[in-house]
Amino acid sequence: MINVKFSWIDMWKDGSLEPHCSILNINEDLNITHFLIDDEGLGIGHLQKWIKNGLEEIDKISKKEISEYDMWGQTLGALISLDKVTIYWGDEEYPDDYLEFDQFKIILSN
C-alpha cells in the first residue's frame, strides 16, 4: 500500500504556497517525491495541467496506444512504459529511481 500526501504549504510564512509531497513508508530522498513537486516556481496551475496531461498519456500506455511517454517536468522527468517507470534528473547528477507502472499511476492519480 502506498500512502501519498500531496499538499501546499506556506513554508516561508509569507502567504506564498509551495508544493510539498511526502510518501509514508518510503524514503523521501527518492526522486518521485521531488518529481511530483517539480514546478520551478510556476505554481499550482502549472502542476495541475502537467499531471493531468501525464495521466492522459498514461491512459494511452495502458490501452497500448503508445509504448512510452517521457513526462518531463522542470528538472526531473519520468520515462513511462508498461515495463517500468524511470524517474531521472535532467543533469544526470543523481541516480535514477524505478517504479512499477501501476505504482506510478496510483501515485500520480492521488
PDB file of N, CA and C in Angstrom:
ATOM      1  N   MET A   1       0.841  -1.176   0.000  1.00  0.00           N
ATOM      2  CA  MET A   1       0.000   0.000   0.000  1.00  0.00           C
ATOM      3  C   MET A   1       0.891   1.246   0.000  1.00  0.00           C
ATOM      4  N   ILE A   2       0.570   2.182  -0.841  1.00  0.00           N
ATOM      5  CA  ILE A   2       1.307   3.428  -0.931  1.00  0.00           C
ATOM      6  C   ILE A   2       0.412   4.548  -0.409  1.00  0.00           C
ATOM      7  N   ASN A   3       0.927   5.315   0.535  1.00  0.00           N
ATOM      8  CA  ASN A   3       0.168   6.427   1.093  1.00  0.00           C
ATOM      9  C   ASN A   3       0.877   7.725   0.724  1.00  0.00           C
ATOM     10  N   VAL A   4       0.316   8.446  -0.244  1.00  0.00           N
ATOM     11  CA  VAL A   4       0.916   9.679  -0.745  1.00  0.00           C
ATOM     12  C   VAL A   4       0.171  10.879  -0.181  1.00  0.00           C
ATOM     13  N   LYS A   5       0.919  11.845   0.329  1.00  0.00           N
ATOM     14  CA  LYS A   5       0.322  13.095   0.799  1.00  0.00           C
ATOM     15  C   LYS A   5       0.889  14.215  -0.064  1.00  0.00           C
ATOM     16  N   PHE A   6       0.026  14.865  -0.833  1.00  0.00           N
ATOM     17  CA  PHE A   6       0.414  15.960  -1.717  1.00  0.00           C
ATOM     18  C   PHE A   6      -0.293  17.200  -1.210  1.00  0.00           C
ATOM     19  N   SER A   7       0.475  18.221  -0.857  1.00  0.00           N
ATOM     20  CA  SER A   7      -0.141  19.407  -0.262  1.00  0.00           C
ATOM     21  C   SER A   7       0.624  20.668  -0.648  1.00  0.00           C
ATOM     22  N   TRP A   8       0.067  21.782  -0.249  1.00  0.00           N
ATOM     23  CA  TRP A   8       0.697  23.092  -0.473  1.00  0.00           C
ATOM     24  C   TRP A   8       0.927  23.711   0.887  1.00  0.00           C
ATOM     25  N   ILE A   9       2.150  24.187   1.119  1.00  0.00           N
ATOM     26  CA  ILE A   9       2.472  24.753   2.422  1.00  0.00           C
ATOM     27  C   ILE A   9       3.032  26.169   2.260  1.00  0.00           C
ATOM     28  N   ASP A  10       2.833  26.951   3.278  1.00  0.00           N
ATOM     29  CA  ASP A  10       3.389  28.306   3.331  1.00  0.00           C
ATOM     30  C   ASP A  10       4.716  28.209   4.087  1.00  0.00           C
ATOM     31  N   MET A  11       5.717  27.671   3.409  1.00  0.00           N
ATOM     32  CA  MET A  11       6.999  27.362   4.022  1.00  0.00           C
ATOM     33  C   MET A  11       7.666  28.591   4.641  1.00  0.00           C
ATOM     34  N   TRP A  12       7.593  29.714   3.971  1.00  0.00           N
ATOM     35  CA  TRP A  12       8.289  30.919   4.422  1.00  0.00           C
ATOM     36  C   TRP A  12       7.373  31.870   5.190  1.00  0.00           C
ATOM     37  N   LYS A  13       6.136  31.443   5.434  1.00  0.00           N
ATOM     38  CA  LYS A  13       5.162  32.244   6.199  1.00  0.00           C
ATOM     39  C   LYS A  13       4.952  33.629   5.595  1.00  0.00           C
ATOM     40  N   ASP A  14       4.940  33.670   4.239  1.00  0.00           N
ATOM     41  CA  ASP A  14       4.735  34.944   3.551  1.00  0.00           C
ATOM     42  C   ASP A  14       3.481  34.940   2.673  1.00  0.00           C
ATOM     43  N   GLY A  15       2.656  33.896   2.829  1.00  0.00           N
ATOM     44  CA  GLY A  15       1.435  33.793   2.042  1.00  0.00           C
ATOM     45  C   GLY A  15       1.618  33.131   0.689  1.00  0.00           C
ATOM     46  N   SER A  16       2.839  32.780   0.341  1.00  0.00           N
ATOM     47  CA  SER A  16       3.132  32.129  -0.937  1.00  0.00           C
ATOM     48  C   SER A  16       3.171  30.617  -0.738  1.00  0.00           C
ATOM     49  N   LEU A  17       2.289  29.904  -1.433  1.00  0.00           N
ATOM     50  CA  LEU A  17       2.219  28.454  -1.274  1.00  0.00           C
ATOM     51  C   LEU A  17       3.288  27.752  -2.099  1.00  0.00           C
ATOM     52  N   GLU A  18       3.898  26.744  -1.492  1.00  0.00           N
ATOM     53  CA  GLU A  18       4.911  25.912  -2.136  1.00  0.00           C
ATOM     54  C   GLU A  18       4.386  24.481  -2.177  1.00  0.00           C
ATOM     55  N   PRO A  19       4.650  23.736  -3.255  1.00  0.00           N
ATOM     56  CA  PRO A  19       4.218  22.342  -3.293  1.00  0.00           C
ATOM     57  C   PRO A  19       5.041  21.500  -2.324  1.00  0.00           C
ATOM     58  N   HIS A  20       4.397  20.505  -1.728  1.00  0.00           N
ATOM     59  CA  HIS A  20       5.062  19.590  -0.803  1.00  0.00           C
ATOM     60  C   HIS A  20       4.511  18.192  -1.046  1.00  0.00           C
ATOM     61  N   CYS A  21       5.381  17.210  -1.007  1.00  0.00           N
ATOM     62  CA  CYS A  21       4.958  15.827  -1.209  1.00  0.00           C
ATOM     63  C   CYS A  21       5.653  14.942  -0.193  1.00  0.00           C
ATOM     64  N   SER A  22       4.904  14.035   0.395  1.00  0.00           N
ATOM     65  CA  SER A  22       5.503  13.016   1.250  1.00  0.00           C
ATOM     66  C   SER A  22       4.814  11.695   0.944  1.00  0.00           C
ATOM     67  N   ILE A  23       5.589  10.650   1.041  1.00  0.00           N
ATOM     68  CA  ILE A  23       5.067   9.306   0.811  1.00  0.00           C
ATOM     69  C   ILE A  23       5.417   8.495   2.043  1.00  0.00           C
ATOM     70  N   LEU A  24       4.411   8.063   2.794  1.00  0.00           N
ATOM     71  CA  LEU A  24       4.651   7.313   4.014  1.00  0.00           C
ATOM     72  C   LEU A  24       5.316   5.985   3.695  1.00  0.00           C
ATOM     73  N   ASN A  25       6.236   5.597   4.545  1.00  0.00           N
ATOM     74  CA  ASN A  25       6.970   4.337   4.430  1.00  0.00           C
ATOM     75  C   ASN A  25       7.886   4.277   3.219  1.00  0.00           C
ATOM     76  N   ILE A  26       8.205   5.422   2.623  1.00  0.00           N
ATOM     77  CA  ILE A  26       9.143   5.471   1.503  1.00  0.00           C
ATOM     78  C   ILE A  26      10.150   6.574   1.804  1.00  0.00           C
ATOM     79  N   ASN A  27      11.397   6.304   1.520  1.00  0.00           N
ATOM     80  CA  ASN A  27      12.454   7.285   1.716  1.00  0.00           C
ATOM     81  C   ASN A  27      12.141   8.526   0.885  1.00  0.00           C
ATOM     82  N   GLU A  28      11.997   9.676   1.533  1.00  0.00           N
ATOM     83  CA  GLU A  28      11.634  10.894   0.814  1.00  0.00           C
ATOM     84  C   GLU A  28      12.770  11.446  -0.039  1.00  0.00           C
ATOM     85  N   ASP A  29      13.948  10.828   0.036  1.00  0.00           N
ATOM     86  CA  ASP A  29      15.044  11.234  -0.839  1.00  0.00           C
ATOM     87  C   ASP A  29      14.881  10.649  -2.235  1.00  0.00           C
ATOM     88  N   LEU A  30      13.929   9.737  -2.414  1.00  0.00           N
ATOM     89  CA  LEU A  30      13.696   9.178  -3.741  1.00  0.00           C
ATOM     90  C   LEU A  30      13.228  10.274  -4.685  1.00  0.00           C
ATOM     91  N   ASN A  31      13.564  10.140  -5.923  1.00  0.00           N
ATOM     92  CA  ASN A  31      13.239  11.159  -6.917  1.00  0.00           C
ATOM     93  C   ASN A  31      11.742  11.394  -7.092  1.00  0.00           C
ATOM     94  N   ILE A  32      10.893  10.401  -6.816  1.00  0.00           N
ATOM     95  CA  ILE A  32       9.457  10.556  -7.063  1.00  0.00           C
ATOM     96  C   ILE A  32       8.887  11.714  -6.240  1.00  0.00           C
ATOM     97  N   THR A  33       9.361  11.901  -5.019  1.00  0.00           N
ATOM     98  CA  THR A  33       8.824  12.999  -4.211  1.00  0.00           C
ATOM     99  C   THR A  33       9.217  14.349  -4.796  1.00  0.00           C
ATOM    100  N   HIS A  34      10.409  14.452  -5.328  1.00  0.00           N
ATOM    101  CA  HIS A  34      10.856  15.696  -5.966  1.00  0.00           C
ATOM    102  C   HIS A  34      10.158  15.892  -7.314  1.00  0.00           C
ATOM    103  N   PHE A  35       9.959  14.794  -8.028  1.00  0.00           N
ATOM    104  CA  PHE A  35       9.294  14.834  -9.332  1.00  0.00           C
ATOM    105  C   PHE A  35       7.888  15.426  -9.214  1.00  0.00           C
ATOM    106  N   LEU A  36       7.157  15.016  -8.183  1.00  0.00           N
ATOM    107  CA  LEU A  36       5.765  15.445  -8.023  1.00  0.00           C
ATOM    108  C   LEU A  36       5.608  16.927  -7.700  1.00  0.00           C
ATOM    109  N   ILE A  37       6.664  17.562  -7.240  1.00  0.00           N
ATOM    110  CA  ILE A  37       6.574  18.993  -6.907  1.00  0.00           C
ATOM    111  C   ILE A  37       7.494  19.830  -7.795  1.00  0.00           C
ATOM    112  N   ASP A  38       7.854  19.309  -8.944  1.00  0.00           N
ATOM    113  CA  ASP A  38       8.830  19.940  -9.836  1.00  0.00           C
ATOM    114  C   ASP A  38       8.189  21.063 -10.646  1.00  0.00           C
ATOM    115  N   ASP A  39       7.880  22.181  -9.978  1.00  0.00           N
ATOM    116  CA  ASP A  39       7.226  23.297 -10.678  1.00  0.00           C
ATOM    117  C   ASP A  39       8.169  24.461 -10.966  1.00  0.00           C
ATOM    118  N   GLU A  40       9.361  24.476 -10.334  1.00  0.00           N
ATOM    119  CA  GLU A  40      10.335  25.556 -10.528  1.00  0.00           C
ATOM    120  C   GLU A  40       9.693  26.941 -10.412  1.00  0.00           C
ATOM    121  N   GLY A  41       8.745  27.056  -9.486  1.00  0.00           N
ATOM    122  CA  GLY A  41       8.117  28.347  -9.232  1.00  0.00           C
ATOM    123  C   GLY A  41       6.955  28.704 -10.146  1.00  0.00           C
ATOM    124  N   LEU A  42       6.562  27.790 -11.036  1.00  0.00           N
ATOM    125  CA  LEU A  42       5.469  28.086 -11.969  1.00  0.00           C
ATOM    126  C   LEU A  42       4.093  27.964 -11.316  1.00  0.00           C
ATOM    127  N   GLY A  43       4.002  27.309 -10.163  1.00  0.00           N
ATOM    128  CA  GLY A  43       2.780  27.310  -9.378  1.00  0.00           C
ATOM    129  C   GLY A  43       1.838  26.136  -9.551  1.00  0.00           C
ATOM    130  N   ILE A  44       0.768  26.221  -8.777  1.00  0.00           N
ATOM    131  CA  ILE A  44      -0.231  25.163  -8.682  1.00  0.00           C
ATOM    132  C   ILE A  44      -0.882  24.869 -10.031  1.00  0.00           C
ATOM    133  N   GLY A  45      -1.281  25.891 -10.744  1.00  0.00           N
ATOM    134  CA  GLY A  45      -1.951  25.695 -12.034  1.00  0.00           C
ATOM    135  C   GLY A  45      -1.088  24.921 -13.009  1.00  0.00           C
ATOM    136  N   HIS A  46       0.194  25.237 -13.031  1.00  0.00           N
ATOM    137  CA  HIS A  46       1.120  24.529 -13.917  1.00  0.00           C
ATOM    138  C   HIS A  46       1.191  23.047 -13.557  1.00  0.00           C
ATOM    139  N   LEU A  47       1.346  22.748 -12.256  1.00  0.00           N
ATOM    140  CA  LEU A  47       1.432  21.351 -11.827  1.00  0.00           C
ATOM    141  C   LEU A  47       0.148  20.589 -12.136  1.00  0.00           C
ATOM    142  N   GLN A  48      -0.994  21.221 -11.927  1.00  0.00           N
ATOM    143  CA  GLN A  48      -2.268  20.554 -12.209  1.00  0.00           C
ATOM    144  C   GLN A  48      -2.372  20.173 -13.680  1.00  0.00           C
ATOM    145  N   LYS A  49      -2.029  21.086 -14.580  1.00  0.00           N
ATOM    146  CA  LYS A  49      -2.088  20.800 -16.021  1.00  0.00           C
ATOM    147  C   LYS A  49      -1.082  19.725 -16.408  1.00  0.00           C
ATOM    148  N   TRP A  50       0.113  19.805 -15.851  1.00  0.00           N
ATOM    149  CA  TRP A  50       1.183  18.864 -16.159  1.00  0.00           C
ATOM    150  C   TRP A  50       0.806  17.442 -15.731  1.00  0.00           C
ATOM    151  N   ILE A  51       0.271  17.311 -14.519  1.00  0.00           N
ATOM    152  CA  ILE A  51      -0.134  15.995 -14.026  1.00  0.00           C
ATOM    153  C   ILE A  51      -1.333  15.477 -14.812  1.00  0.00           C
ATOM    154  N   LYS A  52      -2.292  16.335 -15.127  1.00  0.00           N
ATOM    155  CA  LYS A  52      -3.451  15.917 -15.931  1.00  0.00           C
ATOM    156  C   LYS A  52      -2.995  15.400 -17.294  1.00  0.00           C
ATOM    157  N   ASN A  53      -2.096  16.118 -17.938  1.00  0.00           N
ATOM    158  CA  ASN A  53      -1.575  15.680 -19.226  1.00  0.00           C
ATOM    159  C   ASN A  53      -0.842  14.344 -19.088  1.00  0.00           C
ATOM    160  N   GLY A  54      -0.055  14.208 -18.029  1.00  0.00           N
ATOM    161  CA  GLY A  54       0.652  12.950 -17.785  1.00  0.00           C
ATOM    162  C   GLY A  54      -0.301  11.781 -17.613  1.00  0.00           C
ATOM    163  N   LEU A  55      -1.393  11.992 -16.882  1.00  0.00           N
ATOM    164  CA  LEU A  55      -2.382  10.926 -16.688  1.00  0.00           C
ATOM    165  C   LEU A  55      -3.059  10.542 -18.002  1.00  0.00           C
ATOM    166  N   GLU A  56      -3.288  11.513 -18.884  1.00  0.00           N
ATOM    167  CA  GLU A  56      -3.864  11.209 -20.196  1.00  0.00           C
ATOM    168  C   GLU A  56      -2.913  10.327 -21.005  1.00  0.00           C
ATOM    169  N   GLU A  57      -1.623  10.615 -20.945  1.00  0.00           N
ATOM    170  CA  GLU A  57      -0.635   9.809 -21.669  1.00  0.00           C
ATOM    171  C   GLU A  57      -0.483   8.425 -21.042  1.00  0.00           C
ATOM    172  N   ILE A  58      -0.566   8.339 -19.721  1.00  0.00           N
ATOM    173  CA  ILE A  58      -0.511   7.051 -19.031  1.00  0.00           C
ATOM    174  C   ILE A  58      -1.691   6.185 -19.445  1.00  0.00           C
ATOM    175  N   ASP A  59      -2.859   6.793 -19.610  1.00  0.00           N
ATOM    176  CA  ASP A  59      -4.035   6.057 -20.072  1.00  0.00           C
ATOM    177  C   ASP A  59      -3.786   5.474 -21.465  1.00  0.00           C
ATOM    178  N   LYS A  60      -3.119   6.238 -22.327  1.00  0.00           N
ATOM    179  CA  LYS A  60      -2.785   5.744 -23.670  1.00  0.00           C
ATOM    180  C   LYS A  60      -1.824   4.563 -23.592  1.00  0.00           C
ATOM    181  N   ILE A  61      -0.887   4.608 -22.652  1.00  0.00           N
ATOM    182  CA  ILE A  61       0.033   3.485 -22.471  1.00  0.00           C
ATOM    183  C   ILE A  61      -0.738   2.266 -21.992  1.00  0.00           C
ATOM    184  N   SER A  62      -1.655   2.459 -21.031  1.00  0.00           N
ATOM    185  CA  SER A  62      -2.482   1.354 -20.522  1.00  0.00           C
ATOM    186  C   SER A  62      -3.256   0.672 -21.639  1.00  0.00           C
ATOM    187  N   LYS A  63      -3.743   1.475 -22.583  1.00  0.00           N
ATOM    188  CA  LYS A  63      -4.524   0.952 -23.710  1.00  0.00           C
ATOM    189  C   LYS A  63      -3.643   0.494 -24.870  1.00  0.00           C
ATOM    190  N   LYS A  64      -2.324   0.603 -24.689  1.00  0.00           N
ATOM    191  CA  LYS A  64      -1.333   0.216 -25.699  1.00  0.00           C
ATOM    192  C   LYS A  64      -1.463   1.021 -26.988  1.00  0.00           C
ATOM    193  N   GLU A  65      -1.938   2.261 -26.852  1.00  0.00           N
ATOM    194  CA  GLU A  65      -1.991   3.174 -27.999  1.00  0.00           C
ATOM    195  C   GLU A  65      -0.611   3.764 -28.274  1.00  0.00           C
ATOM    196  N   ILE A  66       0.184   3.920 -27.219  1.00  0.00           N
ATOM    197  CA  ILE A  66       1.581   4.339 -27.347  1.00  0.00           C
ATOM    198  C   ILE A  66       2.411   3.425 -26.446  1.00  0.00           C
ATOM    199  N   SER A  67       3.692   3.274 -26.759  1.00  0.00           N
ATOM    200  CA  SER A  67       4.521   2.355 -25.968  1.00  0.00           C
ATOM    201  C   SER A  67       5.201   3.036 -24.781  1.00  0.00           C
ATOM    202  N   GLU A  68       5.484   4.335 -24.913  1.00  0.00           N
ATOM    203  CA  GLU A  68       6.112   5.039 -23.801  1.00  0.00           C
ATOM    204  C   GLU A  68       5.843   6.537 -23.899  1.00  0.00           C
ATOM    205  N   TYR A  69       6.091   7.212 -22.797  1.00  0.00           N
ATOM    206  CA  TYR A  69       5.913   8.662 -22.736  1.00  0.00           C
ATOM    207  C   TYR A  69       6.974   9.228 -21.807  1.00  0.00           C
ATOM    208  N   ASP A  70       7.605  10.306 -22.220  1.00  0.00           N
ATOM    209  CA  ASP A  70       8.595  10.984 -21.397  1.00  0.00           C
ATOM    210  C   ASP A  70       7.918  12.194 -20.761  1.00  0.00           C
ATOM    211  N   MET A  71       7.575  12.070 -19.496  1.00  0.00           N
ATOM    212  CA  MET A  71       6.878  13.129 -18.766  1.00  0.00           C
ATOM    213  C   MET A  71       7.917  14.033 -18.122  1.00  0.00           C
ATOM    214  N   TRP A  72       8.363  15.010 -18.871  1.00  0.00           N
ATOM    215  CA  TRP A  72       9.408  15.914 -18.397  1.00  0.00           C
ATOM    216  C   TRP A  72       8.808  17.039 -17.574  1.00  0.00           C
ATOM    217  N   GLY A  73       9.386  17.265 -16.392  1.00  0.00           N
ATOM    218  CA  GLY A  73       8.977  18.378 -15.544  1.00  0.00           C
ATOM    219  C   GLY A  73       9.848  19.580 -15.833  1.00  0.00           C
ATOM    220  N   GLN A  74      10.386  20.172 -14.791  1.00  0.00           N
ATOM    221  CA  GLN A  74      11.284  21.311 -14.951  1.00  0.00           C
ATOM    222  C   GLN A  74      12.742  20.901 -14.756  1.00  0.00           C
ATOM    223  N   THR A  75      12.987  19.983 -13.822  1.00  0.00           N
ATOM    224  CA  THR A  75      14.346  19.485 -13.594  1.00  0.00           C
ATOM    225  C   THR A  75      14.412  17.968 -13.563  1.00  0.00           C
ATOM    226  N   LEU A  76      13.265  17.320 -13.461  1.00  0.00           N
ATOM    227  CA  LEU A  76      13.195  15.866 -13.441  1.00  0.00           C
ATOM    228  C   LEU A  76      12.223  15.379 -14.496  1.00  0.00           C
ATOM    229  N   GLY A  77      12.370  14.123 -14.858  1.00  0.00           N
ATOM    230  CA  GLY A  77      11.465  13.526 -15.819  1.00  0.00           C
ATOM    231  C   GLY A  77      11.132  12.101 -15.423  1.00  0.00           C
ATOM    232  N   ALA A  78      10.121  11.555 -16.075  1.00  0.00           N
ATOM    233  CA  ALA A  78       9.740  10.161 -15.877  1.00  0.00           C
ATOM    234  C   ALA A  78       9.551   9.538 -17.250  1.00  0.00           C
ATOM    235  N   LEU A  79      10.361   8.536 -17.550  1.00  0.00           N
ATOM    236  CA  LEU A  79      10.193   7.777 -18.777  1.00  0.00           C
ATOM    237  C   LEU A  79       9.261   6.625 -18.433  1.00  0.00           C
ATOM    238  N   ILE A  80       8.046   6.675 -18.978  1.00  0.00           N
ATOM    239  CA  ILE A  80       6.965   5.784 -18.565  1.00  0.00           C
ATOM    240  C   ILE A  80       6.695   4.750 -19.648  1.00  0.00           C
ATOM    241  N   SER A  81       6.687   3.481 -19.255  1.00  0.00           N
ATOM    242  CA  SER A  81       6.268   2.390 -20.134  1.00  0.00           C
ATOM    243  C   SER A  81       5.602   1.337 -19.252  1.00  0.00           C
ATOM    244  N   LEU A  82       4.961   0.350 -19.869  1.00  0.00           N
ATOM    245  CA  LEU A  82       4.316  -0.702 -19.084  1.00  0.00           C
ATOM    246  C   LEU A  82       5.332  -1.526 -18.304  1.00  0.00           C
ATOM    247  N   ASP A  83       6.561  -1.621 -18.817  1.00  0.00           N
ATOM    248  CA  ASP A  83       7.600  -2.409 -18.150  1.00  0.00           C
ATOM    249  C   ASP A  83       8.071  -1.775 -16.853  1.00  0.00           C
ATOM    250  N   LYS A  84       8.284  -0.454 -16.897  1.00  0.00           N
ATOM    251  CA  LYS A  84       8.765   0.254 -15.712  1.00  0.00           C
ATOM    252  C   LYS A  84       8.660   1.755 -15.939  1.00  0.00           C
ATOM    253  N   VAL A  85       8.810   2.487 -14.863  1.00  0.00           N
ATOM    254  CA  VAL A  85       8.886   3.946 -14.916  1.00  0.00           C
ATOM    255  C   VAL A  85      10.243   4.337 -14.336  1.00  0.00           C
ATOM    256  N   THR A  86      10.984   5.099 -15.111  1.00  0.00           N
ATOM    257  CA  THR A  86      12.293   5.571 -14.675  1.00  0.00           C
ATOM    258  C   THR A  86      12.183   7.052 -14.343  1.00  0.00           C
ATOM    259  N   ILE A  87      12.416   7.399 -13.086  1.00  0.00           N
ATOM    260  CA  ILE A  87      12.432   8.800 -12.666  1.00  0.00           C
ATOM    261  C   ILE A  87      13.886   9.255 -12.733  1.00  0.00           C
ATOM    262  N   TYR A  88      14.142  10.319 -13.481  1.00  0.00           N
ATOM    263  CA  TYR A  88      15.527  10.739 -13.685  1.00  0.00           C
ATOM    264  C   TYR A  88      15.670  12.251 -13.549  1.00  0.00           C
ATOM    265  N   TRP A  89      16.870  12.674 -13.198  1.00  0.00           N
ATOM    266  CA  TRP A  89      17.238  14.088 -13.146  1.00  0.00           C
ATOM    267  C   TRP A  89      17.757  14.477 -14.509  1.00  0.00           C
ATOM    268  N   GLY A  90      17.471  15.666 -14.949  1.00  0.00           N
ATOM    269  CA  GLY A  90      17.919  16.125 -16.257  1.00  0.00           C
ATOM    270  C   GLY A  90      19.417  16.267 -16.379  1.00  0.00           C
ATOM    271  N   ASP A  91      20.095  16.527 -15.270  1.00  0.00           N
ATOM    272  CA  ASP A  91      21.538  16.736 -15.345  1.00  0.00           C
ATOM    273  C   ASP A  91      22.350  15.472 -15.075  1.00  0.00           C
ATOM    274  N   GLU A  92      21.701  14.365 -14.850  1.00  0.00           N
ATOM    275  CA  GLU A  92      22.325  13.061 -14.613  1.00  0.00           C
ATOM    276  C   GLU A  92      23.256  13.055 -13.406  1.00  0.00           C
ATOM    277  N   GLU A  93      23.114  14.029 -12.524  1.00  0.00           N
ATOM    278  CA  GLU A  93      23.952  14.089 -11.327  1.00  0.00           C
ATOM    279  C   GLU A  93      23.535  13.037 -10.304  1.00  0.00           C
ATOM    280  N   TYR A  94      22.265  12.725 -10.267  1.00  0.00           N
ATOM    281  CA  TYR A  94      21.740  11.791  -9.285  1.00  0.00           C
ATOM    282  C   TYR A  94      21.330  10.495  -9.975  1.00  0.00           C
ATOM    283  N   PRO A  95      21.345   9.373  -9.238  1.00  0.00           N
ATOM    284  CA  PRO A  95      20.942   8.106  -9.858  1.00  0.00           C
ATOM    285  C   PRO A  95      19.442   8.069 -10.148  1.00  0.00           C
ATOM    286  N   ASP A  96      19.071   7.265 -11.129  1.00  0.00           N
ATOM    287  CA  ASP A  96      17.663   7.080 -11.482  1.00  0.00           C
ATOM    288  C   ASP A  96      16.960   6.256 -10.412  1.00  0.00           C
ATOM    289  N   ASP A  97      15.652   6.441 -10.290  1.00  0.00           N
ATOM    290  CA  ASP A  97      14.798   5.596  -9.461  1.00  0.00           C
ATOM    291  C   ASP A  97      13.830   4.880 -10.389  1.00  0.00           C
ATOM    292  N   TYR A  98      13.384   3.707  -9.968  1.00  0.00           N
ATOM    293  CA  TYR A  98      12.490   2.902 -10.791  1.00  0.00           C
ATOM    294  C   TYR A  98      11.249   2.529 -10.001  1.00  0.00           C
ATOM    295  N   LEU A  99      10.110   2.592 -10.665  1.00  0.00           N
ATOM    296  CA  LEU A  99       8.831   2.183 -10.087  1.00  0.00           C
ATOM    297  C   LEU A  99       8.120   1.288 -11.080  1.00  0.00           C
ATOM    298  N   GLU A 100       7.205   0.485 -10.565  1.00  0.00           N
ATOM    299  CA  GLU A 100       6.332  -0.266 -11.457  1.00  0.00           C
ATOM    300  C   GLU A 100       5.305   0.700 -12.045  1.00  0.00           C
ATOM    301  N   PHE A 101       4.838   0.401 -13.241  1.00  0.00           N
ATOM    302  CA  PHE A 101       3.869   1.249 -13.932  1.00  0.00           C
ATOM    303  C   PHE A 101       2.643   1.508 -13.062  1.00  0.00           C
ATOM    304  N   ASP A 102       2.080   0.449 -12.476  1.00  0.00           N
ATOM    305  CA  ASP A 102       0.866   0.602 -11.666  1.00  0.00           C
ATOM    306  C   ASP A 102       1.109   1.457 -10.424  1.00  0.00           C
ATOM    307  N   GLN A 103       2.282   1.315  -9.800  1.00  0.00           N
ATOM    308  CA  GLN A 103       2.612   2.147  -8.641  1.00  0.00           C
ATOM    309  C   GLN A 103       2.631   3.621  -9.028  1.00  0.00           C
ATOM    310  N   PHE A 104       3.293   3.918 -10.138  1.00  0.00           N
ATOM    311  CA  PHE A 104       3.409   5.299 -10.596  1.00  0.00           C
ATOM    312  C   PHE A 104       2.036   5.877 -10.920  1.00  0.00           C
ATOM    313  N   LYS A 105       1.207   5.086 -11.576  1.00  0.00           N
ATOM    314  CA  LYS A 105      -0.141   5.543 -11.939  1.00  0.00           C
ATOM    315  C   LYS A 105      -0.962   5.861 -10.690  1.00  0.00           C
ATOM    316  N   ILE A 106      -0.853   5.022  -9.673  1.00  0.00           N
ATOM    317  CA  ILE A 106      -1.579   5.254  -8.419  1.00  0.00           C
ATOM    318  C   ILE A 106      -1.093   6.539  -7.756  1.00  0.00           C
ATOM    319  N   ILE A 107       0.223   6.719  -7.690  1.00  0.00           N
ATOM    320  CA  ILE A 107       0.786   7.918  -7.065  1.00  0.00           C
ATOM    321  C   ILE A 107       0.314   9.171  -7.790  1.00  0.00           C
ATOM    322  N   LEU A 108       0.385   9.162  -9.105  1.00  0.00           N
ATOM    323  CA  LEU A 108       0.004  10.341  -9.882  1.00  0.00           C
ATOM    324  C   LEU A 108      -1.499  10.615  -9.800  1.00  0.00           C
ATOM    325  N   SER A 109      -2.295   9.571  -9.669  1.00  0.00           N
ATOM    326  CA  SER A 109      -3.755   9.711  -9.630  1.00  0.00           C
ATOM    327  C   SER A 109      -4.251  10.255  -8.298  1.00  0.00           C
ATOM    328  N   ASN A 110      -3.455  10.126  -7.271  1.00  0.00           N
ATOM    329  CA  ASN A 110      -3.878  10.572  -5.938  1.00  0.00           C
ATOM    330  C   ASN A 110      -3.317  11.907  -5.693  1.00  0.00           C
TER     331      ASN A 110
END
